[in-house]
Amino acid sequence: MNEKKVARLRRSRSTRLKIRALGAVRLCVNRTPRHMYAQIISADGGHVLAQASTLDAALREGATGNIEAAQKVGALLAERAKAAGVAKVAFDRSGFKYHGRIKALAEAAREAGLEF
């Protein structure tokens, strides 16, 4: 693996250890150049409670690798989380920097009612 990916995985590992110590439900985000993926994972890490991505039929129209698409994913995830009975989560950005699409997804989820 290249150094950049190794550094991101190292950051993600330390974040996940802290979230596991808290025993909190986590909002895990992954991004690729074309798509955004987000899921809410139970505190024990065994179950996905809600998920949303740019691969969903409703979000697949238009560009899927930009900030607008990330905002739609965040809003849809928050809506699905509310339906599953989840209101408070810990944000796991998977070692990605908090800017651009990651930031847009997080802010859209907050505006739609998730607390983190």
N, C-alpha and C. Protein backbone atom coordinates (compact mmCIF):
# COMPACT_ATOMS: atom_id res chain seq x y z
N MET A 1 0.85 -1.19 0.00
CA MET A 1 0.00 0.00 0.00
C MET A 1 0.88 1.24 0.00
N ASN A 2 0.34 2.30 -0.54
CA ASN A 2 1.13 3.52 -0.56
C ASN A 2 1.06 4.23 0.80
N GLU A 3 1.97 5.13 1.04
CA GLU A 3 2.09 5.79 2.34
C GLU A 3 0.85 6.57 2.72
N LYS A 4 0.20 7.17 1.73
CA LYS A 4 -0.99 7.98 2.00
C LYS A 4 -2.13 7.11 2.55
N LYS A 5 -2.33 5.96 1.97
CA LYS A 5 -3.39 5.06 2.43
C LYS A 5 -3.05 4.48 3.80
N VAL A 6 -1.79 4.15 4.03
CA VAL A 6 -1.36 3.62 5.32
C VAL A 6 -1.62 4.65 6.42
N ALA A 7 -1.30 5.90 6.15
CA ALA A 7 -1.53 6.96 7.14
C ALA A 7 -3.02 7.14 7.42
N ARG A 8 -3.86 7.07 6.39
CA ARG A 8 -5.30 7.19 6.59
C ARG A 8 -5.83 6.04 7.43
N LEU A 9 -5.39 4.83 7.15
CA LEU A 9 -5.83 3.67 7.92
C LEU A 9 -5.37 3.74 9.37
N ARG A 10 -4.17 4.29 9.60
CA ARG A 10 -3.68 4.46 10.97
C ARG A 10 -4.57 5.44 11.73
N ARG A 11 -4.92 6.56 11.08
CA ARG A 11 -5.81 7.53 11.72
C ARG A 11 -7.18 6.92 11.99
N SER A 12 -7.69 6.15 11.08
CA SER A 12 -9.01 5.55 11.27
C SER A 12 -9.00 4.55 12.41
N ARG A 13 -7.91 3.81 12.55
CA ARG A 13 -7.82 2.82 13.62
C ARG A 13 -7.87 3.49 14.99
N SER A 14 -7.16 4.59 15.14
CA SER A 14 -7.16 5.27 16.45
C SER A 14 -8.52 5.87 16.75
N THR A 15 -9.19 6.39 15.74
CA THR A 15 -10.53 6.95 15.94
C THR A 15 -11.50 5.87 16.35
N ARG A 16 -11.45 4.73 15.68
CA ARG A 16 -12.38 3.64 16.00
C ARG A 16 -12.15 3.09 17.39
N LEU A 17 -10.89 3.05 17.85
CA LEU A 17 -10.62 2.59 19.21
C LEU A 17 -11.25 3.53 20.24
N LYS A 18 -11.18 4.83 19.98
CA LYS A 18 -11.79 5.80 20.91
C LYS A 18 -13.30 5.67 20.91
N ILE A 19 -13.89 5.49 19.74
CA ILE A 19 -15.35 5.35 19.66
C ILE A 19 -15.79 4.06 20.34
N ARG A 20 -15.03 2.99 20.17
CA ARG A 20 -15.37 1.73 20.82
C ARG A 20 -15.31 1.86 22.34
N ALA A 21 -14.32 2.61 22.86
CA ALA A 21 -14.21 2.83 24.30
C ALA A 21 -15.42 3.59 24.83
N LEU A 22 -15.97 4.51 24.02
CA LEU A 22 -17.16 5.24 24.42
C LEU A 22 -18.40 4.37 24.39
N GLY A 23 -18.40 3.34 23.57
CA GLY A 23 -19.57 2.48 23.41
C GLY A 23 -20.70 3.18 22.69
N ALA A 24 -20.34 4.00 21.71
CA ALA A 24 -21.34 4.80 21.01
C ALA A 24 -21.67 4.18 19.65
N VAL A 25 -22.87 4.48 19.18
CA VAL A 25 -23.26 4.15 17.82
C VAL A 25 -22.46 5.06 16.90
N ARG A 26 -21.92 4.52 15.80
CA ARG A 26 -21.06 5.35 14.97
C ARG A 26 -21.59 5.52 13.56
N LEU A 27 -21.34 6.72 13.03
CA LEU A 27 -21.64 7.04 11.64
C LEU A 27 -20.33 6.90 10.89
N CYS A 28 -20.19 5.86 10.09
CA CYS A 28 -18.97 5.56 9.37
C CYS A 28 -19.10 6.02 7.93
N VAL A 29 -18.11 6.76 7.44
CA VAL A 29 -18.15 7.33 6.09
C VAL A 29 -16.98 6.79 5.28
N ASN A 30 -17.24 6.51 4.02
CA ASN A 30 -16.18 6.14 3.09
C ASN A 30 -16.40 6.90 1.80
N ARG A 31 -15.32 7.31 1.17
CA ARG A 31 -15.46 8.02 -0.10
C ARG A 31 -14.50 7.43 -1.11
N THR A 32 -14.93 7.44 -2.33
CA THR A 32 -14.09 7.08 -3.46
C THR A 32 -14.20 8.24 -4.43
N PRO A 33 -13.41 8.27 -5.47
CA PRO A 33 -13.53 9.39 -6.40
C PRO A 33 -14.93 9.52 -7.03
N ARG A 34 -15.64 8.42 -7.17
CA ARG A 34 -16.96 8.47 -7.81
C ARG A 34 -18.14 8.46 -6.85
N HIS A 35 -17.99 7.88 -5.66
CA HIS A 35 -19.16 7.67 -4.80
C HIS A 35 -18.87 8.01 -3.34
N MET A 36 -19.96 8.19 -2.59
CA MET A 36 -19.92 8.39 -1.13
C MET A 36 -20.75 7.29 -0.49
N TYR A 37 -20.26 6.74 0.58
CA TYR A 37 -20.98 5.70 1.31
C TYR A 37 -21.02 6.10 2.78
N ALA A 38 -22.15 5.90 3.43
CA ALA A 38 -22.25 6.19 4.85
C ALA A 38 -23.16 5.15 5.50
N GLN A 39 -22.80 4.72 6.69
CA GLN A 39 -23.63 3.78 7.41
C GLN A 39 -23.57 4.04 8.90
N ILE A 40 -24.65 3.71 9.57
CA ILE A 40 -24.71 3.84 11.02
C ILE A 40 -24.60 2.43 11.57
N ILE A 41 -23.57 2.21 12.38
CA ILE A 41 -23.23 0.89 12.89
C ILE A 41 -23.50 0.87 14.39
N SER A 42 -24.06 -0.25 14.88
CA SER A 42 -24.42 -0.38 16.29
C SER A 42 -23.18 -0.29 17.18
N ALA A 43 -23.41 -0.07 18.46
CA ALA A 43 -22.30 0.13 19.41
C ALA A 43 -21.41 -1.10 19.50
N ASP A 44 -21.97 -2.29 19.37
CA ASP A 44 -21.14 -3.49 19.43
C ASP A 44 -20.45 -3.79 18.11
N GLY A 45 -20.79 -3.05 17.06
CA GLY A 45 -20.14 -3.20 15.77
C GLY A 45 -20.68 -4.36 14.95
N GLY A 46 -21.74 -4.99 15.40
CA GLY A 46 -22.24 -6.18 14.73
C GLY A 46 -23.35 -5.95 13.72
N HIS A 47 -23.99 -4.78 13.77
CA HIS A 47 -25.16 -4.57 12.92
C HIS A 47 -25.13 -3.19 12.27
N VAL A 48 -25.55 -3.14 11.02
CA VAL A 48 -25.73 -1.86 10.33
C VAL A 48 -27.17 -1.45 10.55
N LEU A 49 -27.38 -0.31 11.20
CA LEU A 49 -28.73 0.15 11.53
C LEU A 49 -29.35 0.94 10.39
N ALA A 50 -28.55 1.68 9.65
CA ALA A 50 -29.04 2.46 8.51
C ALA A 50 -27.86 2.70 7.57
N GLN A 51 -28.16 2.87 6.29
CA GLN A 51 -27.10 3.14 5.32
C GLN A 51 -27.66 3.99 4.20
N ALA A 52 -26.76 4.72 3.56
CA ALA A 52 -27.11 5.50 2.37
C ALA A 52 -25.83 5.68 1.55
N SER A 53 -26.00 5.74 0.25
CA SER A 53 -24.86 5.97 -0.62
C SER A 53 -25.34 6.56 -1.93
N THR A 54 -24.40 7.01 -2.73
CA THR A 54 -24.76 7.55 -4.03
C THR A 54 -25.15 6.45 -5.01
N LEU A 55 -25.07 5.21 -4.59
CA LEU A 55 -25.52 4.09 -5.41
C LEU A 55 -27.03 3.86 -5.29
N ASP A 56 -27.68 4.49 -4.30
CA ASP A 56 -29.13 4.37 -4.16
C ASP A 56 -29.80 4.94 -5.40
N ALA A 57 -30.90 4.33 -5.77
CA ALA A 57 -31.59 4.73 -7.00
C ALA A 57 -31.99 6.20 -7.00
N ALA A 58 -32.42 6.71 -5.85
CA ALA A 58 -32.85 8.10 -5.76
C ALA A 58 -31.70 9.09 -5.93
N LEU A 59 -30.49 8.69 -5.55
CA LEU A 59 -29.34 9.60 -5.58
C LEU A 59 -28.42 9.36 -6.78
N ARG A 60 -28.73 8.37 -7.58
CA ARG A 60 -27.84 7.99 -8.66
C ARG A 60 -27.87 8.97 -9.84
N GLU A 61 -28.93 9.75 -9.93
CA GLU A 61 -29.07 10.69 -11.04
C GLU A 61 -28.05 11.82 -10.91
N GLY A 62 -27.47 12.20 -12.02
CA GLY A 62 -26.51 13.31 -12.01
C GLY A 62 -25.16 12.85 -11.50
N ALA A 63 -24.34 13.83 -11.13
CA ALA A 63 -22.99 13.54 -10.63
C ALA A 63 -23.07 12.90 -9.25
N THR A 64 -22.20 11.92 -8.99
CA THR A 64 -22.23 11.22 -7.71
C THR A 64 -20.97 11.45 -6.89
N GLY A 65 -19.99 12.16 -7.42
CA GLY A 65 -18.72 12.35 -6.71
C GLY A 65 -18.45 13.78 -6.33
N ASN A 66 -19.52 14.55 -6.03
CA ASN A 66 -19.31 15.96 -5.69
C ASN A 66 -19.98 16.30 -4.36
N ILE A 67 -19.86 17.55 -3.93
CA ILE A 67 -20.36 17.99 -2.64
C ILE A 67 -21.88 17.90 -2.57
N GLU A 68 -22.58 18.23 -3.66
CA GLU A 68 -24.04 18.17 -3.66
C GLU A 68 -24.52 16.74 -3.42
N ALA A 69 -23.87 15.77 -4.02
CA ALA A 69 -24.23 14.37 -3.82
C ALA A 69 -23.97 13.95 -2.37
N ALA A 70 -22.87 14.43 -1.79
CA ALA A 70 -22.56 14.10 -0.39
C ALA A 70 -23.61 14.68 0.54
N GLN A 71 -24.11 15.88 0.25
CA GLN A 71 -25.16 16.48 1.07
C GLN A 71 -26.44 15.65 1.00
N LYS A 72 -26.77 15.16 -0.17
CA LYS A 72 -27.96 14.32 -0.32
C LYS A 72 -27.82 13.02 0.45
N VAL A 73 -26.64 12.44 0.43
CA VAL A 73 -26.39 11.20 1.18
C VAL A 73 -26.54 11.45 2.68
N GLY A 74 -26.00 12.57 3.17
CA GLY A 74 -26.12 12.90 4.59
C GLY A 74 -27.55 13.09 5.03
N ALA A 75 -28.34 13.78 4.22
CA ALA A 75 -29.75 14.01 4.55
C ALA A 75 -30.54 12.70 4.53
N LEU A 76 -30.29 11.86 3.53
CA LEU A 76 -30.99 10.58 3.43
C LEU A 76 -30.61 9.66 4.58
N LEU A 77 -29.34 9.65 4.97
CA LEU A 77 -28.89 8.82 6.08
C LEU A 77 -29.55 9.26 7.38
N ALA A 78 -29.63 10.56 7.62
CA ALA A 78 -30.27 11.06 8.83
C ALA A 78 -31.74 10.67 8.88
N GLU A 79 -32.40 10.74 7.75
CA GLU A 79 -33.81 10.35 7.67
C GLU A 79 -33.98 8.87 8.01
N ARG A 80 -33.13 8.03 7.45
CA ARG A 80 -33.20 6.59 7.72
C ARG A 80 -32.81 6.27 9.16
N ALA A 81 -31.88 7.04 9.72
CA ALA A 81 -31.49 6.82 11.12
C ALA A 81 -32.64 7.14 12.06
N LYS A 82 -33.35 8.22 11.78
CA LYS A 82 -34.52 8.57 12.60
C LYS A 82 -35.55 7.46 12.54
N ALA A 83 -35.76 6.90 11.36
CA ALA A 83 -36.72 5.81 11.20
C ALA A 83 -36.29 4.57 11.99
N ALA A 84 -34.98 4.38 12.14
CA ALA A 84 -34.45 3.24 12.90
C ALA A 84 -34.37 3.54 14.39
N GLY A 85 -34.68 4.77 14.79
CA GLY A 85 -34.67 5.13 16.21
C GLY A 85 -33.33 5.59 16.73
N VAL A 86 -32.46 6.04 15.85
CA VAL A 86 -31.13 6.52 16.26
C VAL A 86 -31.12 8.04 16.16
N ALA A 87 -30.74 8.70 17.25
CA ALA A 87 -30.69 10.16 17.25
C ALA A 87 -29.28 10.70 17.48
N LYS A 88 -28.46 9.94 18.22
CA LYS A 88 -27.12 10.43 18.57
C LYS A 88 -26.08 9.41 18.10
N VAL A 89 -25.05 9.90 17.42
CA VAL A 89 -23.99 9.03 16.89
C VAL A 89 -22.63 9.67 17.13
N ALA A 90 -21.59 8.86 16.96
CA ALA A 90 -20.22 9.36 16.96
C ALA A 90 -19.76 9.34 15.50
N PHE A 91 -19.11 10.41 15.04
CA PHE A 91 -18.73 10.53 13.65
C PHE A 91 -17.38 9.88 13.40
N ASP A 92 -17.39 8.83 12.58
CA ASP A 92 -16.16 8.13 12.20
C ASP A 92 -15.87 8.48 10.74
N ARG A 93 -14.90 9.36 10.54
CA ARG A 93 -14.61 9.83 9.18
C ARG A 93 -13.61 8.93 8.47
N SER A 94 -13.27 7.80 9.07
CA SER A 94 -12.40 6.78 8.47
C SER A 94 -11.03 7.32 8.08
N GLY A 95 -10.53 8.28 8.83
CA GLY A 95 -9.20 8.82 8.57
C GLY A 95 -9.15 9.90 7.51
N PHE A 96 -10.28 10.20 6.87
CA PHE A 96 -10.31 11.26 5.86
C PHE A 96 -10.32 12.61 6.55
N LYS A 97 -9.74 13.62 5.92
CA LYS A 97 -9.76 14.97 6.48
C LYS A 97 -11.17 15.51 6.49
N TYR A 98 -11.47 16.33 7.49
CA TYR A 98 -12.81 16.91 7.63
C TYR A 98 -12.89 18.16 6.76
N HIS A 99 -13.10 17.96 5.48
CA HIS A 99 -13.31 19.06 4.55
C HIS A 99 -13.96 18.48 3.30
N GLY A 100 -14.44 19.33 2.44
CA GLY A 100 -15.00 18.88 1.19
C GLY A 100 -16.23 18.02 1.35
N ARG A 101 -16.20 16.85 0.74
CA ARG A 101 -17.37 15.97 0.74
C ARG A 101 -17.68 15.39 2.11
N ILE A 102 -16.65 15.10 2.91
CA ILE A 102 -16.87 14.57 4.25
C ILE A 102 -17.58 15.62 5.11
N LYS A 103 -17.12 16.84 5.03
CA LYS A 103 -17.73 17.94 5.78
C LYS A 103 -19.17 18.18 5.31
N ALA A 104 -19.41 18.15 4.02
CA ALA A 104 -20.75 18.37 3.47
C ALA A 104 -21.72 17.30 3.95
N LEU A 105 -21.28 16.05 3.96
CA LEU A 105 -22.12 14.96 4.44
C LEU A 105 -22.45 15.14 5.92
N ALA A 106 -21.45 15.48 6.72
CA ALA A 106 -21.66 15.65 8.15
C ALA A 106 -22.61 16.81 8.45
N GLU A 107 -22.44 17.92 7.79
CA GLU A 107 -23.30 19.09 8.03
C GLU A 107 -24.73 18.82 7.58
N ALA A 108 -24.91 18.11 6.48
CA ALA A 108 -26.26 17.78 6.01
C ALA A 108 -26.94 16.83 6.99
N ALA A 109 -26.20 15.89 7.55
CA ALA A 109 -26.78 14.96 8.54
C ALA A 109 -27.17 15.71 9.81
N ARG A 110 -26.34 16.66 10.23
CA ARG A 110 -26.68 17.47 11.41
C ARG A 110 -27.94 18.29 11.18
N GLU A 111 -28.03 18.92 10.00
CA GLU A 111 -29.20 19.74 9.69
C GLU A 111 -30.47 18.90 9.63
N ALA A 112 -30.33 17.64 9.24
CA ALA A 112 -31.50 16.76 9.13
C ALA A 112 -31.88 16.14 10.47
N GLY A 113 -31.09 16.39 11.53
CA GLY A 113 -31.50 15.97 12.87
C GLY A 113 -30.61 15.02 13.62
N LEU A 114 -29.53 14.54 13.03
CA LEU A 114 -28.61 13.68 13.78
C LEU A 114 -27.74 14.54 14.69
N GLU A 115 -27.44 14.01 15.87
CA GLU A 115 -26.57 14.73 16.82
C GLU A 115 -25.22 14.03 16.89
N PHE A 116 -24.15 14.79 16.67
CA PHE A 116 -22.78 14.30 16.87
C PHE A 116 -21.83 15.45 16.91
